[in-house]
PDB file of all heavy atoms in Angstrom:
ATOM      1  N   LEU A   1       0.857  -1.172   0.000  1.00  0.00           N
ATOM      2  CA  LEU A   1       0.000   0.000   0.000  1.00  0.00           C
ATOM      3  C   LEU A   1       0.896   1.225   0.000  1.00  0.00           C
ATOM      4  O   LEU A   1       2.022   1.172   0.530  1.00  0.00           O
ATOM      5  CB  LEU A   1      -0.897   0.059   1.236  1.00  0.00           C
ATOM      6  CG  LEU A   1      -2.205  -0.721   1.275  1.00  0.00           C
ATOM      7  CD1 LEU A   1      -2.869  -0.553   2.643  1.00  0.00           C
ATOM      8  CD2 LEU A   1      -3.145  -0.287   0.164  1.00  0.00           C
ATOM      9  N   ARG A   2       0.385   2.314  -0.568  1.00  0.00           N
ATOM     10  CA  ARG A   2       1.080   3.579  -0.451  1.00  0.00           C
ATOM     11  C   ARG A   2       0.155   4.592   0.202  1.00  0.00           C
ATOM     12  O   ARG A   2      -0.921   4.905  -0.334  1.00  0.00           O
ATOM     13  CB  ARG A   2       1.554   4.113  -1.802  1.00  0.00           C
ATOM     14  CG  ARG A   2       2.466   5.332  -1.629  1.00  0.00           C
ATOM     15  CD  ARG A   2       3.014   5.862  -2.935  1.00  0.00           C
ATOM     16  NE  ARG A   2       2.072   6.731  -3.636  1.00  0.00           N
ATOM     17  CZ  ARG A   2       2.429   7.688  -4.485  1.00  0.00           C
ATOM     18  NH1 ARG A   2       3.712   7.885  -4.743  1.00  0.00           N
ATOM     19  NH2 ARG A   2       1.522   8.411  -5.099  1.00  0.00           N
ATOM     20  N   LEU A   3       0.590   5.103   1.332  1.00  0.00           N
ATOM     21  CA  LEU A   3      -0.148   6.153   2.017  1.00  0.00           C
ATOM     22  C   LEU A   3       0.352   7.507   1.545  1.00  0.00           C
ATOM     23  O   LEU A   3       1.543   7.677   1.277  1.00  0.00           O
ATOM     24  CB  LEU A   3       0.022   6.040   3.526  1.00  0.00           C
ATOM     25  CG  LEU A   3      -0.363   4.704   4.164  1.00  0.00           C
ATOM     26  CD1 LEU A   3      -0.214   4.800   5.680  1.00  0.00           C
ATOM     27  CD2 LEU A   3      -1.760   4.279   3.776  1.00  0.00           C
ATOM     28  N   SER A   4      -0.585   8.448   1.480  1.00  0.00           N
ATOM     29  CA  SER A   4      -0.241   9.810   1.101  1.00  0.00           C
ATOM     30  C   SER A   4      -0.699  10.764   2.191  1.00  0.00           C
ATOM     31  O   SER A   4      -1.700  10.524   2.864  1.00  0.00           O
ATOM     32  CB  SER A   4      -0.915  10.190  -0.218  1.00  0.00           C
ATOM     33  OG  SER A   4      -0.497   9.342  -1.268  1.00  0.00           O
ATOM     34  N   CYS A   5       0.045  11.836   2.340  1.00  0.00           N
ATOM     35  CA  CYS A   5      -0.309  12.883   3.295  1.00  0.00           C
ATOM     36  C   CYS A   5      -0.211  14.214   2.558  1.00  0.00           C
ATOM     37  O   CYS A   5       0.874  14.593   2.098  1.00  0.00           O
ATOM     38  CB  CYS A   5       0.624  12.853   4.497  1.00  0.00           C
ATOM     39  SG  CYS A   5       0.390  14.206   5.668  1.00  0.00           S
ATOM     40  N   SER A   6      -1.332  14.890   2.470  1.00  0.00           N
ATOM     41  CA  SER A   6      -1.377  16.192   1.812  1.00  0.00           C
ATOM     42  C   SER A   6      -1.327  17.288   2.862  1.00  0.00           C
ATOM     43  O   SER A   6      -2.069  17.253   3.844  1.00  0.00           O
ATOM     44  CB  SER A   6      -2.664  16.297   0.994  1.00  0.00           C
ATOM     45  OG  SER A   6      -2.799  17.585   0.446  1.00  0.00           O
ATOM     46  N   ALA A   7      -0.440  18.257   2.662  1.00  0.00           N
ATOM     47  CA  ALA A   7      -0.268  19.346   3.616  1.00  0.00           C
ATOM     48  C   ALA A   7      -0.705  20.660   2.995  1.00  0.00           C
ATOM     49  O   ALA A   7      -0.407  20.943   1.836  1.00  0.00           O
ATOM     50  CB  ALA A   7       1.176  19.442   4.064  1.00  0.00           C
ATOM     51  N   SER A   8      -1.384  21.478   3.769  1.00  0.00           N
ATOM     52  CA  SER A   8      -1.778  22.805   3.307  1.00  0.00           C
ATOM     53  C   SER A   8      -1.530  23.786   4.437  1.00  0.00           C
ATOM     54  O   SER A   8      -1.427  23.421   5.597  1.00  0.00           O
ATOM     55  CB  SER A   8      -3.250  22.823   2.906  1.00  0.00           C
ATOM     56  OG  SER A   8      -4.073  22.507   4.012  1.00  0.00           O
ATOM     57  N   GLY A   9      -1.404  25.029   4.069  1.00  0.00           N
ATOM     58  CA  GLY A   9      -1.169  26.041   5.084  1.00  0.00           C
ATOM     59  C   GLY A   9       0.189  26.686   4.901  1.00  0.00           C
ATOM     60  O   GLY A   9       0.513  27.174   3.832  1.00  0.00           O
ATOM     61  N   ARG A  10       0.973  26.647   5.947  1.00  0.00           N
ATOM     62  CA  ARG A  10       2.272  27.309   5.930  1.00  0.00           C
ATOM     63  C   ARG A  10       3.256  26.589   5.013  1.00  0.00           C
ATOM     64  O   ARG A  10       2.960  25.556   4.452  1.00  0.00           O
ATOM     65  CB  ARG A  10       2.835  27.392   7.346  1.00  0.00           C
ATOM     66  CG  ARG A  10       2.072  28.361   8.236  1.00  0.00           C
ATOM     67  CD  ARG A  10       2.588  28.328   9.654  1.00  0.00           C
ATOM     68  NE  ARG A  10       1.865  29.292  10.490  1.00  0.00           N
ATOM     69  CZ  ARG A  10       2.387  30.425  10.878  1.00  0.00           C
ATOM     70  NH1 ARG A  10       3.610  30.748  10.535  1.00  0.00           N
ATOM     71  NH2 ARG A  10       1.699  31.244  11.625  1.00  0.00           N
ATOM     72  N   THR A  11       4.437  27.143   4.911  1.00  0.00           N
ATOM     73  CA  THR A  11       5.464  26.612   4.028  1.00  0.00           C
ATOM     74  C   THR A  11       5.829  25.197   4.433  1.00  0.00           C
ATOM     75  O   THR A  11       6.506  24.960   5.422  1.00  0.00           O
ATOM     76  CB  THR A  11       6.727  27.492   4.064  1.00  0.00           C
ATOM     77  OG1 THR A  11       6.351  28.820   3.773  1.00  0.00           O
ATOM     78  CG2 THR A  11       7.740  26.991   3.049  1.00  0.00           C
ATOM     79  N   PHE A  12       5.382  24.263   3.651  1.00  0.00           N
ATOM     80  CA  PHE A  12       5.572  22.852   3.954  1.00  0.00           C
ATOM     81  C   PHE A  12       7.036  22.464   3.958  1.00  0.00           C
ATOM     82  O   PHE A  12       7.454  21.596   4.720  1.00  0.00           O
ATOM     83  CB  PHE A  12       4.792  22.040   2.920  1.00  0.00           C
ATOM     84  CG  PHE A  12       5.009  20.567   2.985  1.00  0.00           C
ATOM     85  CD1 PHE A  12       4.480  19.827   4.025  1.00  0.00           C
ATOM     86  CD2 PHE A  12       5.736  19.910   2.010  1.00  0.00           C
ATOM     87  CE1 PHE A  12       4.667  18.464   4.093  1.00  0.00           C
ATOM     88  CE2 PHE A  12       5.943  18.556   2.070  1.00  0.00           C
ATOM     89  CZ  PHE A  12       5.398  17.828   3.108  1.00  0.00           C
ATOM     90  N   SER A  13       7.829  23.093   3.144  1.00  0.00           N
ATOM     91  CA  SER A  13       9.207  22.665   3.003  1.00  0.00           C
ATOM     92  C   SER A  13      10.039  22.909   4.255  1.00  0.00           C
ATOM     93  O   SER A  13      11.140  22.395   4.364  1.00  0.00           O
ATOM     94  CB  SER A  13       9.864  23.354   1.803  1.00  0.00           C
ATOM     95  OG  SER A  13       9.813  24.757   1.954  1.00  0.00           O
ATOM     96  N   ASN A  14       9.530  23.681   5.220  1.00  0.00           N
ATOM     97  CA  ASN A  14      10.257  23.902   6.467  1.00  0.00           C
ATOM     98  C   ASN A  14       9.840  22.923   7.567  1.00  0.00           C
ATOM     99  O   ASN A  14      10.220  23.098   8.729  1.00  0.00           O
ATOM    100  CB  ASN A  14      10.031  25.328   6.973  1.00  0.00           C
ATOM    101  CG  ASN A  14      10.642  26.351   6.055  1.00  0.00           C
ATOM    102  OD1 ASN A  14       9.984  27.321   5.671  1.00  0.00           O
ATOM    103  ND2 ASN A  14      11.880  26.147   5.685  1.00  0.00           N
ATOM    104  N   TYR A  15       9.079  21.919   7.202  1.00  0.00           N
ATOM    105  CA  TYR A  15       8.548  20.996   8.183  1.00  0.00           C
ATOM    106  C   TYR A  15       9.166  19.614   8.034  1.00  0.00           C
ATOM    107  O   TYR A  15       9.137  19.023   6.953  1.00  0.00           O
ATOM    108  CB  TYR A  15       7.026  20.883   8.043  1.00  0.00           C
ATOM    109  CG  TYR A  15       6.296  22.061   8.613  1.00  0.00           C
ATOM    110  CD1 TYR A  15       6.290  23.279   7.956  1.00  0.00           C
ATOM    111  CD2 TYR A  15       5.643  21.960   9.835  1.00  0.00           C
ATOM    112  CE1 TYR A  15       5.650  24.382   8.500  1.00  0.00           C
ATOM    113  CE2 TYR A  15       4.990  23.045  10.375  1.00  0.00           C
ATOM    114  CZ  TYR A  15       4.995  24.255   9.709  1.00  0.00           C
ATOM    115  OH  TYR A  15       4.356  25.336  10.242  1.00  0.00           O
ATOM    116  N   ALA A  16       9.714  19.110   9.143  1.00  0.00           N
ATOM    117  CA  ALA A  16      10.051  17.700   9.191  1.00  0.00           C
ATOM    118  C   ALA A  16       8.742  16.926   9.353  1.00  0.00           C
ATOM    119  O   ALA A  16       7.830  17.380  10.036  1.00  0.00           O
ATOM    120  CB  ALA A  16      10.984  17.413  10.359  1.00  0.00           C
ATOM    121  N   MET A  17       8.677  15.769   8.708  1.00  0.00           N
ATOM    122  CA  MET A  17       7.431  15.004   8.689  1.00  0.00           C
ATOM    123  C   MET A  17       7.649  13.586   9.207  1.00  0.00           C
ATOM    124  O   MET A  17       8.754  13.020   9.095  1.00  0.00           O
ATOM    125  CB  MET A  17       6.885  14.941   7.265  1.00  0.00           C
ATOM    126  CG  MET A  17       6.626  16.304   6.637  1.00  0.00           C
ATOM    127  SD  MET A  17       5.356  17.254   7.507  1.00  0.00           S
ATOM    128  CE  MET A  17       3.911  16.230   7.199  1.00  0.00           C
ATOM    129  N   GLY A  18       6.586  13.029   9.741  1.00  0.00           N
ATOM    130  CA  GLY A  18       6.682  11.665  10.247  1.00  0.00           C
ATOM    131  C   GLY A  18       5.393  10.903  10.048  1.00  0.00           C
ATOM    132  O   GLY A  18       4.335  11.497   9.810  1.00  0.00           O
ATOM    133  N   TRP A  19       5.506   9.598  10.115  1.00  0.00           N
ATOM    134  CA  TRP A  19       4.361   8.702  10.128  1.00  0.00           C
ATOM    135  C   TRP A  19       4.383   7.915  11.441  1.00  0.00           C
ATOM    136  O   TRP A  19       5.434   7.408  11.854  1.00  0.00           O
ATOM    137  CB  TRP A  19       4.409   7.715   8.958  1.00  0.00           C
ATOM    138  CG  TRP A  19       4.080   8.310   7.625  1.00  0.00           C
ATOM    139  CD1 TRP A  19       4.953   8.767   6.687  1.00  0.00           C
ATOM    140  CD2 TRP A  19       2.769   8.495   7.078  1.00  0.00           C
ATOM    141  NE1 TRP A  19       4.277   9.224   5.595  1.00  0.00           N
ATOM    142  CE2 TRP A  19       2.928   9.069   5.805  1.00  0.00           C
ATOM    143  CE3 TRP A  19       1.473   8.238   7.529  1.00  0.00           C
ATOM    144  CZ2 TRP A  19       1.841   9.397   4.985  1.00  0.00           C
ATOM    145  CZ3 TRP A  19       0.404   8.552   6.715  1.00  0.00           C
ATOM    146  CH2 TRP A  19       0.599   9.119   5.462  1.00  0.00           C
ATOM    147  N   PHE A  20       3.215   7.847  12.047  1.00  0.00           N
ATOM    148  CA  PHE A  20       3.026   7.068  13.266  1.00  0.00           C
ATOM    149  C   PHE A  20       1.842   6.139  13.052  1.00  0.00           C
ATOM    150  O   PHE A  20       1.063   6.326  12.119  1.00  0.00           O
ATOM    151  CB  PHE A  20       2.762   7.992  14.460  1.00  0.00           C
ATOM    152  CG  PHE A  20       3.963   8.796  14.855  1.00  0.00           C
ATOM    153  CD1 PHE A  20       4.352   9.916  14.128  1.00  0.00           C
ATOM    154  CD2 PHE A  20       4.719   8.437  15.963  1.00  0.00           C
ATOM    155  CE1 PHE A  20       5.475  10.655  14.486  1.00  0.00           C
ATOM    156  CE2 PHE A  20       5.834   9.174  16.335  1.00  0.00           C
ATOM    157  CZ  PHE A  20       6.209  10.278  15.592  1.00  0.00           C
ATOM    158  N   ARG A  21       1.691   5.162  13.932  1.00  0.00           N
ATOM    159  CA  ARG A  21       0.543   4.281  13.831  1.00  0.00           C
ATOM    160  C   ARG A  21       0.071   3.886  15.224  1.00  0.00           C
ATOM    161  O   ARG A  21       0.845   3.910  16.189  1.00  0.00           O
ATOM    162  CB  ARG A  21       0.869   3.036  13.015  1.00  0.00           C
ATOM    163  CG  ARG A  21       1.899   2.105  13.638  1.00  0.00           C
ATOM    164  CD  ARG A  21       2.261   0.993  12.649  1.00  0.00           C
ATOM    165  NE  ARG A  21       3.210   0.050  13.231  1.00  0.00           N
ATOM    166  CZ  ARG A  21       3.797  -0.935  12.543  1.00  0.00           C
ATOM    167  NH1 ARG A  21       3.506  -1.107  11.235  1.00  0.00           N
ATOM    168  NH2 ARG A  21       4.638  -1.751  13.139  1.00  0.00           N
ATOM    169  N   GLN A  22      -1.201   3.537  15.292  1.00  0.00           N
ATOM    170  CA  GLN A  22      -1.773   3.107  16.558  1.00  0.00           C
ATOM    171  C   GLN A  22      -2.732   1.959  16.313  1.00  0.00           C
ATOM    172  O   GLN A  22      -3.716   2.115  15.584  1.00  0.00           O
ATOM    173  CB  GLN A  22      -2.483   4.264  17.263  1.00  0.00           C
ATOM    174  CG  GLN A  22      -2.943   3.923  18.662  1.00  0.00           C
ATOM    175  CD  GLN A  22      -3.371   5.140  19.449  1.00  0.00           C
ATOM    176  OE1 GLN A  22      -3.654   6.212  18.882  1.00  0.00           O
ATOM    177  NE2 GLN A  22      -3.415   5.014  20.757  1.00  0.00           N
ATOM    178  N   ALA A  23      -2.416   0.832  16.912  1.00  0.00           N
ATOM    179  CA  ALA A  23      -3.278  -0.351  16.840  1.00  0.00           C
ATOM    180  C   ALA A  23      -4.206  -0.353  18.053  1.00  0.00           C
ATOM    181  O   ALA A  23      -3.896   0.253  19.081  1.00  0.00           O
ATOM    182  CB  ALA A  23      -2.428  -1.611  16.813  1.00  0.00           C
ATOM    183  N   PRO A  24      -5.345  -1.037  17.954  1.00  0.00           N
ATOM    184  CA  PRO A  24      -6.280  -1.078  19.085  1.00  0.00           C
ATOM    185  C   PRO A  24      -5.615  -1.587  20.359  1.00  0.00           C
ATOM    186  O   PRO A  24      -4.920  -2.606  20.349  1.00  0.00           O
ATOM    187  CB  PRO A  24      -7.358  -2.055  18.592  1.00  0.00           C
ATOM    188  CG  PRO A  24      -7.309  -1.964  17.114  1.00  0.00           C
ATOM    189  CD  PRO A  24      -5.867  -1.742  16.774  1.00  0.00           C
ATOM    190  N   GLY A  25      -5.812  -0.850  21.441  1.00  0.00           N
ATOM    191  CA  GLY A  25      -5.268  -1.254  22.719  1.00  0.00           C
ATOM    192  C   GLY A  25      -3.795  -0.993  22.902  1.00  0.00           C
ATOM    193  O   GLY A  25      -3.208  -1.394  23.913  1.00  0.00           O
ATOM    194  N   ARG A  26      -3.189  -0.313  21.928  1.00  0.00           N
ATOM    195  CA  ARG A  26      -1.761  -0.051  22.010  1.00  0.00           C
ATOM    196  C   ARG A  26      -1.489   1.451  21.901  1.00  0.00           C
ATOM    197  O   ARG A  26      -2.318   2.217  21.418  1.00  0.00           O
ATOM    198  CB  ARG A  26      -1.012  -0.783  20.897  1.00  0.00           C
ATOM    199  CG  ARG A  26      -1.194  -2.296  20.949  1.00  0.00           C
ATOM    200  CD  ARG A  26      -0.296  -3.004  19.975  1.00  0.00           C
ATOM    201  NE  ARG A  26       1.118  -2.832  20.302  1.00  0.00           N
ATOM    202  CZ  ARG A  26       2.108  -3.409  19.638  1.00  0.00           C
ATOM    203  NH1 ARG A  26       1.835  -4.195  18.600  1.00  0.00           N
ATOM    204  NH2 ARG A  26       3.359  -3.206  19.979  1.00  0.00           N
ATOM    205  N   GLU A  27      -0.322   1.845  22.345  1.00  0.00           N
ATOM    206  CA  GLU A  27       0.062   3.248  22.260  1.00  0.00           C
ATOM    207  C   GLU A  27       0.480   3.591  20.827  1.00  0.00           C
ATOM    208  O   GLU A  27       0.888   2.716  20.062  1.00  0.00           O
ATOM    209  CB  GLU A  27       1.219   3.547  23.224  1.00  0.00           C
ATOM    210  CG  GLU A  27       0.844   3.433  24.685  1.00  0.00           C
ATOM    211  CD  GLU A  27       1.969   3.889  25.595  1.00  0.00           C
ATOM    212  OE1 GLU A  27       3.061   4.180  25.090  1.00  0.00           O
ATOM    213  OE2 GLU A  27       1.739   3.949  26.813  1.00  0.00           O
ATOM    214  N   ARG A  28       0.397   4.887  20.521  1.00  0.00           N
ATOM    215  CA  ARG A  28       0.854   5.336  19.213  1.00  0.00           C
ATOM    216  C   ARG A  28       2.362   5.120  19.120  1.00  0.00           C
ATOM    217  O   ARG A  28       3.104   5.422  20.046  1.00  0.00           O
ATOM    218  CB  ARG A  28       0.517   6.816  19.035  1.00  0.00           C
ATOM    219  CG  ARG A  28       0.731   7.326  17.644  1.00  0.00           C
ATOM    220  CD  ARG A  28       0.145   8.735  17.470  1.00  0.00           C
ATOM    221  NE  ARG A  28      -1.301   8.752  17.684  1.00  0.00           N
ATOM    222  CZ  ARG A  28      -2.066   9.798  17.424  1.00  0.00           C
ATOM    223  NH1 ARG A  28      -1.526  10.901  16.929  1.00  0.00           N
ATOM    224  NH2 ARG A  28      -3.352   9.755  17.643  1.00  0.00           N
ATOM    225  N   GLU A  29       2.812   4.604  17.988  1.00  0.00           N
ATOM    226  CA  GLU A  29       4.236   4.315  17.841  1.00  0.00           C
ATOM    227  C   GLU A  29       4.791   4.926  16.562  1.00  0.00           C
ATOM    228  O   GLU A  29       4.088   5.097  15.568  1.00  0.00           O
ATOM    229  CB  GLU A  29       4.487   2.802  17.840  1.00  0.00           C
ATOM    230  CG  GLU A  29       3.872   2.052  16.677  1.00  0.00           C
ATOM    231  CD  GLU A  29       4.264   0.575  16.661  1.00  0.00           C
ATOM    232  OE1 GLU A  29       4.948   0.113  17.586  1.00  0.00           O
ATOM    233  OE2 GLU A  29       3.872  -0.110  15.701  1.00  0.00           O
ATOM    234  N   PHE A  30       6.059   5.213  16.621  1.00  0.00           N
ATOM    235  CA  PHE A  30       6.784   5.782  15.492  1.00  0.00           C
ATOM    236  C   PHE A  30       6.930   4.758  14.379  1.00  0.00           C
ATOM    237  O   PHE A  30       7.191   3.574  14.642  1.00  0.00           O
ATOM    238  CB  PHE A  30       8.164   6.239  15.960  1.00  0.00           C
ATOM    239  CG  PHE A  30       9.114   6.610  14.866  1.00  0.00           C
ATOM    240  CD1 PHE A  30       8.958   7.798  14.173  1.00  0.00           C
ATOM    241  CD2 PHE A  30      10.165   5.762  14.530  1.00  0.00           C
ATOM    242  CE1 PHE A  30       9.847   8.142  13.164  1.00  0.00           C
ATOM    243  CE2 PHE A  30      11.054   6.104  13.532  1.00  0.00           C
ATOM    244  CZ  PHE A  30      10.896   7.295  12.849  1.00  0.00           C
ATOM    245  N   VAL A  31       6.776   5.209  13.147  1.00  0.00           N
ATOM    246  CA  VAL A  31       6.965   4.346  11.987  1.00  0.00           C
ATOM    247  C   VAL A  31       8.144   4.835  11.137  1.00  0.00           C
ATOM    248  O   VAL A  31       9.078   4.083  10.881  1.00  0.00           O
ATOM    249  CB  VAL A  31       5.694   4.290  11.112  1.00  0.00           C
ATOM    250  CG1 VAL A  31       5.947   3.469   9.840  1.00  0.00           C
ATOM    251  CG2 VAL A  31       4.527   3.721  11.908  1.00  0.00           C
ATOM    252  N   ALA A  32       8.087   6.098  10.714  1.00  0.00           N
ATOM    253  CA  ALA A  32       9.134   6.633   9.841  1.00  0.00           C
ATOM    254  C   ALA A  32       9.105   8.149   9.902  1.00  0.00           C
ATOM    255  O   ALA A  32       8.075   8.745  10.237  1.00  0.00           O
ATOM    256  CB  ALA A  32       8.935   6.156   8.401  1.00  0.00           C
ATOM    257  N   ALA A  33      10.227   8.776   9.551  1.00  0.00           N
ATOM    258  CA  ALA A  33      10.304  10.228   9.543  1.00  0.00           C
ATOM    259  C   ALA A  33      11.279  10.680   8.475  1.00  0.00           C
ATOM    260  O   ALA A  33      12.171   9.922   8.061  1.00  0.00           O
ATOM    261  CB  ALA A  33      10.736  10.757  10.909  1.00  0.00           C
ATOM    262  N   ILE A  34      11.119  11.932   8.044  1.00  0.00           N
ATOM    263  CA  ILE A  34      11.961  12.474   6.992  1.00  0.00           C
ATOM    264  C   ILE A  34      12.236  13.941   7.270  1.00  0.00           C
ATOM    265  O   ILE A  34      11.366  14.676   7.734  1.00  0.00           O
ATOM    266  CB  ILE A  34      11.296  12.277   5.616  1.00  0.00           C
ATOM    267  CG1 ILE A  34      12.235  12.663   4.473  1.00  0.00           C
ATOM    268  CG2 ILE A  34       9.975  13.035   5.524  1.00  0.00           C
ATOM    269  CD1 ILE A  34      11.734  12.202   3.103  1.00  0.00           C
ATOM    270  N   SER A  35      13.450  14.371   7.003  1.00  0.00           N
ATOM    271  CA  SER A  35      13.815  15.767   7.183  1.00  0.00           C
ATOM    272  C   SER A  35      13.216  16.612   6.066  1.00  0.00           C
ATOM    273  O   SER A  35      12.860  16.093   5.006  1.00  0.00           O
ATOM    274  CB  SER A  35      15.335  15.910   7.177  1.00  0.00           C
ATOM    275  OG  SER A  35      15.862  15.501   5.919  1.00  0.00           O
ATOM    276  N   TRP A  36      13.140  17.941   6.293  1.00  0.00           N
ATOM    277  CA  TRP A  36      12.501  18.753   5.255  1.00  0.00           C
ATOM    278  C   TRP A  36      13.385  18.922   4.037  1.00  0.00           C
ATOM    279  O   TRP A  36      12.923  19.222   2.952  1.00  0.00           O
ATOM    280  CB  TRP A  36      12.005  20.080   5.793  1.00  0.00           C
ATOM    281  CG  TRP A  36      12.954  21.108   6.323  1.00  0.00           C
ATOM    282  CD1 TRP A  36      13.182  21.416   7.631  1.00  0.00           C
ATOM    283  CD2 TRP A  36      13.761  22.038   5.577  1.00  0.00           C
ATOM    284  NE1 TRP A  36      14.070  22.453   7.753  1.00  0.00           N
ATOM    285  CE2 TRP A  36      14.447  22.856   6.497  1.00  0.00           C
ATOM    286  CE3 TRP A  36      13.975  22.261   4.220  1.00  0.00           C
ATOM    287  CZ2 TRP A  36      15.313  23.869   6.113  1.00  0.00           C
ATOM    288  CZ3 TRP A  36      14.843  23.273   3.826  1.00  0.00           C
ATOM    289  CH2 TRP A  36      15.499  24.058   4.768  1.00  0.00           C
ATOM    290  N   SER A  37      14.675  18.699   4.216  1.00  0.00           N
ATOM    291  CA  SER A  37      15.583  18.747   3.066  1.00  0.00           C
ATOM    292  C   SER A  37      15.548  17.471   2.248  1.00  0.00           C
ATOM    293  O   SER A  37      16.163  17.400   1.182  1.00  0.00           O
ATOM    294  CB  SER A  37      17.008  18.965   3.550  1.00  0.00           C
ATOM    295  OG  SER A  37      17.461  17.805   4.221  1.00  0.00           O
ATOM    296  N   ASP A  38      14.841  16.457   2.751  1.00  0.00           N
ATOM    297  CA  ASP A  38      14.758  15.162   2.067  1.00  0.00           C
ATOM    298  C   ASP A  38      16.090  14.413   2.099  1.00  0.00           C
ATOM    299  O   ASP A  38      16.257  13.410   1.416  1.00  0.00           O
ATOM    300  CB  ASP A  38      14.297  15.338   0.612  1.00  0.00           C
ATOM    301  CG  ASP A  38      13.717  14.057   0.021  1.00  0.00           C
ATOM    302  OD1 ASP A  38      13.391  13.140   0.807  1.00  0.00           O
ATOM    303  OD2 ASP A  38      13.622  13.962  -1.211  1.00  0.00           O
ATOM    304  N   GLU A  39      17.029  14.886   2.931  1.00  0.00           N
ATOM    305  CA  GLU A  39      18.340  14.232   2.996  1.00  0.00           C
ATOM    306  C   GLU A  39      18.343  13.023   3.906  1.00  0.00           C
ATOM    307  O   GLU A  39      19.057  12.046   3.654  1.00  0.00           O
ATOM    308  CB  GLU A  39      19.382  15.228   3.518  1.00  0.00           C
ATOM    309  CG  GLU A  39      19.693  16.372   2.586  1.00  0.00           C
ATOM    310  CD  GLU A  39      20.671  17.356   3.206  1.00  0.00           C
ATOM    311  OE1 GLU A  39      20.982  17.213   4.410  1.00  0.00           O
ATOM    312  OE2 GLU A  39      21.109  18.264   2.508  1.00  0.00           O
ATOM    313  N   ASN A  40      17.577  13.106   4.984  1.00  0.00           N
ATOM    314  CA  ASN A  40      17.659  12.086   6.026  1.00  0.00           C
ATOM    315  C   ASN A  40      16.308  11.461   6.317  1.00  0.00           C
ATOM    316  O   ASN A  40      15.285  12.149   6.342  1.00  0.00           O
ATOM    317  CB  ASN A  40      18.204  12.710   7.304  1.00  0.00           C
ATOM    318  CG  ASN A  40      19.614  13.234   7.107  1.00  0.00           C
ATOM    319  OD1 ASN A  40      20.440  12.584   6.488  1.00  0.00           O
ATOM    320  ND2 ASN A  40      19.874  14.422   7.630  1.00  0.00           N
ATOM    321  N   THR A  41      16.342  10.168   6.560  1.00  0.00           N
ATOM    322  CA  THR A  41      15.144   9.438   6.941  1.00  0.00           C
ATOM    323  C   THR A  41      15.453   8.501   8.099  1.00  0.00           C
ATOM    324  O   THR A  41      16.618   8.121   8.313  1.00  0.00           O
ATOM    325  CB  THR A  41      14.609   8.602   5.767  1.00  0.00           C
ATOM    326  OG1 THR A  41      15.631   7.701   5.314  1.00  0.00           O
ATOM    327  CG2 THR A  41      14.160   9.482   4.613  1.00  0.00           C
ATOM    328  N   GLY A  42      14.424   8.141   8.828  1.00  0.00           N
ATOM    329  CA  GLY A  42      14.578   7.203   9.933  1.00  0.00           C
ATOM    330  C   GLY A  42      13.383   6.267   9.981  1.00  0.00           C
ATOM    331  O   GLY A  42      12.277   6.657   9.578  1.00  0.00           O
ATOM    332  N   TYR A  43      13.611   5.054  10.458  1.00  0.00           N
ATOM    333  CA  TYR A  43      12.567   4.046  10.486  1.00  0.00           C
ATOM    334  C   TYR A  43      12.578   3.268  11.801  1.00  0.00           C
ATOM    335  O   TYR A  43      13.634   3.053  12.402  1.00  0.00           O
ATOM    336  CB  TYR A  43      12.757   3.047   9.330  1.00  0.00           C
ATOM    337  CG  TYR A  43      12.659   3.664   7.967  1.00  0.00           C
ATOM    338  CD1 TYR A  43      13.786   4.156   7.318  1.00  0.00           C
ATOM    339  CD2 TYR A  43      11.428   3.766   7.325  1.00  0.00           C
ATOM    340  CE1 TYR A  43      13.696   4.729   6.066  1.00  0.00           C
ATOM    341  CE2 TYR A  43      11.323   4.341   6.063  1.00  0.00           C
ATOM    342  CZ  TYR A  43      12.463   4.826   5.449  1.00  0.00           C
ATOM    343  OH  TYR A  43      12.368   5.412   4.211  1.00  0.00           O
ATOM    344  N   ALA A  44      11.393   2.831  12.177  1.00  0.00           N
ATOM    345  CA  ALA A  44      11.314   1.883  13.283  1.00  0.00           C
ATOM    346  C   ALA A  44      11.905   0.556  12.827  1.00  0.00           C
ATOM    347  O   ALA A  44      11.810   0.202  11.644  1.00  0.00           O
ATOM    348  CB  ALA A  44       9.856   1.696  13.705  1.00  0.00           C
ATOM    349  N   ASP A  45      12.497  -0.155  13.750  1.00  0.00           N
ATOM    350  CA  ASP A  45      13.108  -1.444  13.390  1.00  0.00           C
ATOM    351  C   ASP A  45      12.085  -2.398  12.779  1.00  0.00           C
ATOM    352  O   ASP A  45      12.430  -3.197  11.899  1.00  0.00           O
ATOM    353  CB  ASP A  45      13.729  -2.084  14.630  1.00  0.00           C
ATOM    354  CG  ASP A  45      14.985  -1.377  15.079  1.00  0.00           C
ATOM    355  OD1 ASP A  45      15.574  -0.611  14.277  1.00  0.00           O
ATOM    356  OD2 ASP A  45      15.383  -1.572  16.231  1.00  0.00           O
ATOM    357  N   SER A  46      10.860  -2.310  13.223  1.00  0.00           N
ATOM    358  CA  SER A  46       9.819  -3.244  12.772  1.00  0.00           C
ATOM    359  C   SER A  46       9.450  -3.054  11.305  1.00  0.00           C
ATOM    360  O   SER A  46       8.859  -3.950  10.697  1.00  0.00           O
ATOM    361  CB  SER A  46       8.576  -3.103  13.646  1.00  0.00           C
ATOM    362  OG  SER A  46       8.076  -1.784  13.588  1.00  0.00           O
ATOM    363  N   VAL A  47       9.777  -1.888  10.731  1.00  0.00           N
ATOM    364  CA  VAL A  47       9.393  -1.633   9.339  1.00  0.00           C
ATOM    365  C   VAL A  47      10.599  -1.427   8.434  1.00  0.00           C
ATOM    366  O   VAL A  47      10.444  -1.312   7.207  1.00  0.00           O
ATOM    367  CB  VAL A  47       8.449  -0.416   9.228  1.00  0.00           C
ATOM    368  CG1 VAL A  47       7.257  -0.570  10.146  1.00  0.00           C
ATOM    369  CG2 VAL A  47       9.185   0.890   9.496  1.00  0.00           C
TER     370      VAL A  47
END
């Protein structure tokens, strides 16, 4: 699957972005993140 996130409002390019997820009965957890320069990314070990 490919998830998309559309941003509107202020200058998007100055924002670091992330994806999180929450399963029933569990806390929200980090999935992935990306710097606004698109240079750096990070991932949870599970993904």
